[in-house]
Amino acid sequence: MKKKLKLADFEKTFFYSDSHNDLALLEFVTNPVVVNGDKILLKKAQEKNWPTLNLK
């Protein structure tokens, strides 16, 4: 029988986003990363001290 995995089963979780629409997911994982973030998301990343990447 296969075990159903839950987020709590993982020691580290990563999520990459460019949009403030994903804030709920970014706040849920252990390692949020903002990539080419919109203005709102970049402000939140600065407040939370999240790493940011600008690949433009």
PDB file of N, CA and C in Angstrom:
ATOM      1  N   MET A   1       0.835  -1.175   0.000  1.00  0.00           N
ATOM      2  CA  MET A   1       0.000   0.000   0.000  1.00  0.00           C
ATOM      3  C   MET A   1       0.891   1.253   0.000  1.00  0.00           C
ATOM      4  N   LYS A   2       0.571   2.189  -0.873  1.00  0.00           N
ATOM      5  CA  LYS A   2       1.332   3.435  -0.965  1.00  0.00           C
ATOM      6  C   LYS A   2       0.903   4.397   0.127  1.00  0.00           C
ATOM      7  N   LYS A   3       1.892   5.065   0.709  1.00  0.00           N
ATOM      8  CA  LYS A   3       1.613   6.076   1.722  1.00  0.00           C
ATOM      9  C   LYS A   3       1.320   7.402   1.025  1.00  0.00           C
ATOM     10  N   LYS A   4       0.252   8.067   1.445  1.00  0.00           N
ATOM     11  CA  LYS A   4      -0.043   9.399   0.914  1.00  0.00           C
ATOM     12  C   LYS A   4       0.865  10.394   1.611  1.00  0.00           C
ATOM     13  N   LEU A   5       1.591  11.167   0.831  1.00  0.00           N
ATOM     14  CA  LEU A   5       2.497  12.156   1.387  1.00  0.00           C
ATOM     15  C   LEU A   5       1.765  13.453   1.694  1.00  0.00           C
ATOM     16  N   LYS A   6       2.173  14.077   2.795  1.00  0.00           N
ATOM     17  CA  LYS A   6       1.645  15.377   3.185  1.00  0.00           C
ATOM     18  C   LYS A   6       2.815  16.347   3.281  1.00  0.00           C
ATOM     19  N   LEU A   7       2.523  17.610   3.225  1.00  0.00           N
ATOM     20  CA  LEU A   7       3.577  18.614   3.306  1.00  0.00           C
ATOM     21  C   LEU A   7       4.409  18.437   4.575  1.00  0.00           C
ATOM     22  N   ALA A   8       3.782  18.044   5.656  1.00  0.00           N
ATOM     23  CA  ALA A   8       4.487  17.850   6.927  1.00  0.00           C
ATOM     24  C   ALA A   8       5.519  16.723   6.848  1.00  0.00           C
ATOM     25  N   ASP A   9       5.433  15.871   5.837  1.00  0.00           N
ATOM     26  CA  ASP A   9       6.389  14.773   5.664  1.00  0.00           C
ATOM     27  C   ASP A   9       7.737  15.258   5.133  1.00  0.00           C
ATOM     28  N   PHE A  10       7.816  16.492   4.717  1.00  0.00           N
ATOM     29  CA  PHE A  10       9.031  17.027   4.114  1.00  0.00           C
ATOM     30  C   PHE A  10       9.707  18.018   5.054  1.00  0.00           C
ATOM     31  N   GLU A  11      11.009  17.837   5.232  1.00  0.00           N
ATOM     32  CA  GLU A  11      11.770  18.732   6.099  1.00  0.00           C
ATOM     33  C   GLU A  11      11.922  20.114   5.467  1.00  0.00           C
ATOM     34  N   LYS A  12      12.136  20.136   4.155  1.00  0.00           N
ATOM     35  CA  LYS A  12      12.299  21.397   3.428  1.00  0.00           C
ATOM     36  C   LYS A  12      11.339  21.422   2.245  1.00  0.00           C
ATOM     37  N   THR A  13      10.731  22.571   2.058  1.00  0.00           N
ATOM     38  CA  THR A  13       9.883  22.777   0.885  1.00  0.00           C
ATOM     39  C   THR A  13      10.266  24.105   0.245  1.00  0.00           C
ATOM     40  N   PHE A  14      10.218  24.139  -1.079  1.00  0.00           N
ATOM     41  CA  PHE A  14      10.595  25.323  -1.845  1.00  0.00           C
ATOM     42  C   PHE A  14       9.428  25.738  -2.728  1.00  0.00           C
ATOM     43  N   PHE A  15       9.285  27.047  -2.906  1.00  0.00           N
ATOM     44  CA  PHE A  15       8.295  27.569  -3.838  1.00  0.00           C
ATOM     45  C   PHE A  15       8.865  28.829  -4.465  1.00  0.00           C
ATOM     46  N   TYR A  16       8.783  28.907  -5.764  1.00  0.00           N
ATOM     47  CA  TYR A  16       9.285  30.049  -6.527  1.00  0.00           C
ATOM     48  C   TYR A  16       8.093  30.759  -7.160  1.00  0.00           C
ATOM     49  N   SER A  17       8.084  32.086  -7.085  1.00  0.00           N
ATOM     50  CA  SER A  17       6.956  32.820  -7.658  1.00  0.00           C
ATOM     51  C   SER A  17       7.372  34.212  -8.101  1.00  0.00           C
ATOM     52  N   ASP A  18       6.569  34.747  -9.014  1.00  0.00           N
ATOM     53  CA  ASP A  18       6.767  36.122  -9.479  1.00  0.00           C
ATOM     54  C   ASP A  18       5.561  37.009  -9.173  1.00  0.00           C
ATOM     55  N   SER A  19       4.542  36.449  -8.519  1.00  0.00           N
ATOM     56  CA  SER A  19       3.293  37.180  -8.348  1.00  0.00           C
ATOM     57  C   SER A  19       2.810  37.188  -6.896  1.00  0.00           C
ATOM     58  N   HIS A  20       2.291  38.331  -6.471  1.00  0.00           N
ATOM     59  CA  HIS A  20       1.717  38.427  -5.130  1.00  0.00           C
ATOM     60  C   HIS A  20       0.502  37.515  -4.958  1.00  0.00           C
ATOM     61  N   ASN A  21      -0.049  37.038  -6.076  1.00  0.00           N
ATOM     62  CA  ASN A  21      -1.175  36.107  -6.002  1.00  0.00           C
ATOM     63  C   ASN A  21      -0.784  34.794  -5.340  1.00  0.00           C
ATOM     64  N   ASP A  22       0.511  34.520  -5.245  1.00  0.00           N
ATOM     65  CA  ASP A  22       1.018  33.287  -4.635  1.00  0.00           C
ATOM     66  C   ASP A  22       1.490  33.476  -3.200  1.00  0.00           C
ATOM     67  N   LEU A  23       1.172  34.591  -2.580  1.00  0.00           N
ATOM     68  CA  LEU A  23       1.651  34.874  -1.223  1.00  0.00           C
ATOM     69  C   LEU A  23       1.296  33.782  -0.227  1.00  0.00           C
ATOM     70  N   ALA A  24       0.113  33.237  -0.311  1.00  0.00           N
ATOM     71  CA  ALA A  24      -0.294  32.191   0.638  1.00  0.00           C
ATOM     72  C   ALA A  24       0.638  30.984   0.551  1.00  0.00           C
ATOM     73  N   LEU A  25       1.005  30.595  -0.653  1.00  0.00           N
ATOM     74  CA  LEU A  25       1.921  29.458  -0.820  1.00  0.00           C
ATOM     75  C   LEU A  25       3.332  29.810  -0.373  1.00  0.00           C
ATOM     76  N   LEU A  26       3.781  30.998  -0.685  1.00  0.00           N
ATOM     77  CA  LEU A  26       5.115  31.429  -0.274  1.00  0.00           C
ATOM     78  C   LEU A  26       5.233  31.455   1.248  1.00  0.00           C
ATOM     79  N   GLU A  27       4.194  31.850   1.928  1.00  0.00           N
ATOM     80  CA  GLU A  27       4.216  31.912   3.384  1.00  0.00           C
ATOM     81  C   GLU A  27       4.104  30.524   4.020  1.00  0.00           C
ATOM     82  N   PHE A  28       3.666  29.551   3.269  1.00  0.00           N
ATOM     83  CA  PHE A  28       3.446  28.194   3.773  1.00  0.00           C
ATOM     84  C   PHE A  28       4.705  27.336   3.739  1.00  0.00           C
ATOM     85  N   VAL A  29       5.560  27.533   2.744  1.00  0.00           N
ATOM     86  CA  VAL A  29       6.742  26.684   2.585  1.00  0.00           C
ATOM     87  C   VAL A  29       7.897  27.144   3.471  1.00  0.00           C
ATOM     88  N   THR A  30       8.913  26.291   3.600  1.00  0.00           N
ATOM     89  CA  THR A  30      10.066  26.646   4.428  1.00  0.00           C
ATOM     90  C   THR A  30      11.063  27.520   3.683  1.00  0.00           C
ATOM     91  N   ASN A  31      11.057  27.484   2.351  1.00  0.00           N
ATOM     92  CA  ASN A  31      12.037  28.233   1.557  1.00  0.00           C
ATOM     93  C   ASN A  31      11.365  28.950   0.386  1.00  0.00           C
ATOM     94  N   PRO A  32      10.744  30.096   0.645  1.00  0.00           N
ATOM     95  CA  PRO A  32      10.143  30.861  -0.450  1.00  0.00           C
ATOM     96  C   PRO A  32      11.224  31.644  -1.201  1.00  0.00           C
ATOM     97  N   VAL A  33      11.053  31.739  -2.524  1.00  0.00           N
ATOM     98  CA  VAL A  33      11.986  32.498  -3.356  1.00  0.00           C
ATOM     99  C   VAL A  33      11.167  33.316  -4.354  1.00  0.00           C
ATOM    100  N   VAL A  34      11.462  34.597  -4.423  1.00  0.00           N
ATOM    101  CA  VAL A  34      10.771  35.489  -5.360  1.00  0.00           C
ATOM    102  C   VAL A  34      11.654  35.668  -6.590  1.00  0.00           C
ATOM    103  N   VAL A  35      11.079  35.405  -7.762  1.00  0.00           N
ATOM    104  CA  VAL A  35      11.806  35.519  -9.027  1.00  0.00           C
ATOM    105  C   VAL A  35      11.072  36.509  -9.926  1.00  0.00           C
ATOM    106  N   ASN A  36      11.766  37.598 -10.283  1.00  0.00           N
ATOM    107  CA  ASN A  36      11.151  38.643 -11.109  1.00  0.00           C
ATOM    108  C   ASN A  36       9.810  39.074 -10.519  1.00  0.00           C
ATOM    109  N   GLY A  37       9.792  39.309  -9.235  1.00  0.00           N
ATOM    110  CA  GLY A  37       8.545  39.598  -8.523  1.00  0.00           C
ATOM    111  C   GLY A  37       7.893  40.904  -8.925  1.00  0.00           C
ATOM    112  N   ASP A  38       6.564  40.922  -8.788  1.00  0.00           N
ATOM    113  CA  ASP A  38       5.834  42.168  -9.011  1.00  0.00           C
ATOM    114  C   ASP A  38       6.071  43.091  -7.813  1.00  0.00           C
ATOM    115  N   LYS A  39       5.627  44.332  -7.933  1.00  0.00           N
ATOM    116  CA  LYS A  39       5.923  45.354  -6.918  1.00  0.00           C
ATOM    117  C   LYS A  39       5.447  44.950  -5.523  1.00  0.00           C
ATOM    118  N   ILE A  40       4.245  44.416  -5.433  1.00  0.00           N
ATOM    119  CA  ILE A  40       3.682  44.010  -4.142  1.00  0.00           C
ATOM    120  C   ILE A  40       4.485  42.856  -3.545  1.00  0.00           C
ATOM    121  N   LEU A  41       4.825  41.888  -4.371  1.00  0.00           N
ATOM    122  CA  LEU A  41       5.574  40.726  -3.883  1.00  0.00           C
ATOM    123  C   LEU A  41       6.981  41.110  -3.452  1.00  0.00           C
ATOM    124  N   LEU A  42       7.630  41.994  -4.178  1.00  0.00           N
ATOM    125  CA  LEU A  42       8.976  42.429  -3.794  1.00  0.00           C
ATOM    126  C   LEU A  42       8.965  43.143  -2.445  1.00  0.00           C
ATOM    127  N   LYS A  43       7.926  43.929  -2.194  1.00  0.00           N
ATOM    128  CA  LYS A  43       7.812  44.615  -0.909  1.00  0.00           C
ATOM    129  C   LYS A  43       7.666  43.598   0.220  1.00  0.00           C
ATOM    130  N   LYS A  44       6.822  42.599   0.019  1.00  0.00           N
ATOM    131  CA  LYS A  44       6.613  41.558   1.022  1.00  0.00           C
ATOM    132  C   LYS A  44       7.886  40.748   1.235  1.00  0.00           C
ATOM    133  N   ALA A  45       8.607  40.445   0.165  1.00  0.00           N
ATOM    134  CA  ALA A  45       9.856  39.691   0.270  1.00  0.00           C
ATOM    135  C   ALA A  45      10.869  40.465   1.105  1.00  0.00           C
ATOM    136  N   GLN A  46      10.915  41.762   0.923  1.00  0.00           N
ATOM    137  CA  GLN A  46      11.832  42.591   1.701  1.00  0.00           C
ATOM    138  C   GLN A  46      11.440  42.561   3.182  1.00  0.00           C
ATOM    139  N   GLU A  47      10.151  42.666   3.468  1.00  0.00           N
ATOM    140  CA  GLU A  47       9.665  42.627   4.850  1.00  0.00           C
ATOM    141  C   GLU A  47       9.985  41.291   5.525  1.00  0.00           C
ATOM    142  N   LYS A  48       9.865  40.195   4.763  1.00  0.00           N
ATOM    143  CA  LYS A  48      10.051  38.843   5.308  1.00  0.00           C
ATOM    144  C   LYS A  48      11.488  38.342   5.174  1.00  0.00           C
ATOM    145  N   ASN A  49      12.337  39.151   4.517  1.00  0.00           N
ATOM    146  CA  ASN A  49      13.723  38.764   4.284  1.00  0.00           C
ATOM    147  C   ASN A  49      13.849  37.495   3.438  1.00  0.00           C
ATOM    148  N   TRP A  50      12.977  37.379   2.427  1.00  0.00           N
ATOM    149  CA  TRP A  50      13.016  36.249   1.501  1.00  0.00           C
ATOM    150  C   TRP A  50      14.042  36.540   0.408  1.00  0.00           C
ATOM    151  N   PRO A  51      14.711  35.518  -0.093  1.00  0.00           N
ATOM    152  CA  PRO A  51      15.618  35.745  -1.218  1.00  0.00           C
ATOM    153  C   PRO A  51      14.843  36.135  -2.479  1.00  0.00           C
ATOM    154  N   THR A  52      15.456  37.008  -3.270  1.00  0.00           N
ATOM    155  CA  THR A  52      14.851  37.431  -4.531  1.00  0.00           C
ATOM    156  C   THR A  52      15.859  37.299  -5.655  1.00  0.00           C
ATOM    157  N   LEU A  53      15.351  36.983  -6.827  1.00  0.00           N
ATOM    158  CA  LEU A  53      16.162  36.896  -8.033  1.00  0.00           C
ATOM    159  C   LEU A  53      15.546  37.788  -9.096  1.00  0.00           C
ATOM    160  N   ASN A  54      16.389  38.479  -9.847  1.00  0.00           N
ATOM    161  CA  ASN A  54      15.917  39.241 -10.996  1.00  0.00           C
ATOM    162  C   ASN A  54      16.666  38.694 -12.206  1.00  0.00           C
ATOM    163  N   LEU A  55      15.961  37.965 -13.052  1.00  0.00           N
ATOM    164  CA  LEU A  55      16.579  37.311 -14.211  1.00  0.00           C
ATOM    165  C   LEU A  55      16.310  38.047 -15.502  1.00  0.00           C
ATOM    166  N   LYS A  56      15.850  39.276 -15.422  1.00  0.00           N
ATOM    167  CA  LYS A  56      15.556  40.055 -16.627  1.00  0.00           C
ATOM    168  C   LYS A  56      16.818  40.722 -17.150  1.00  0.00           C
TER     169      LYS A  56
END
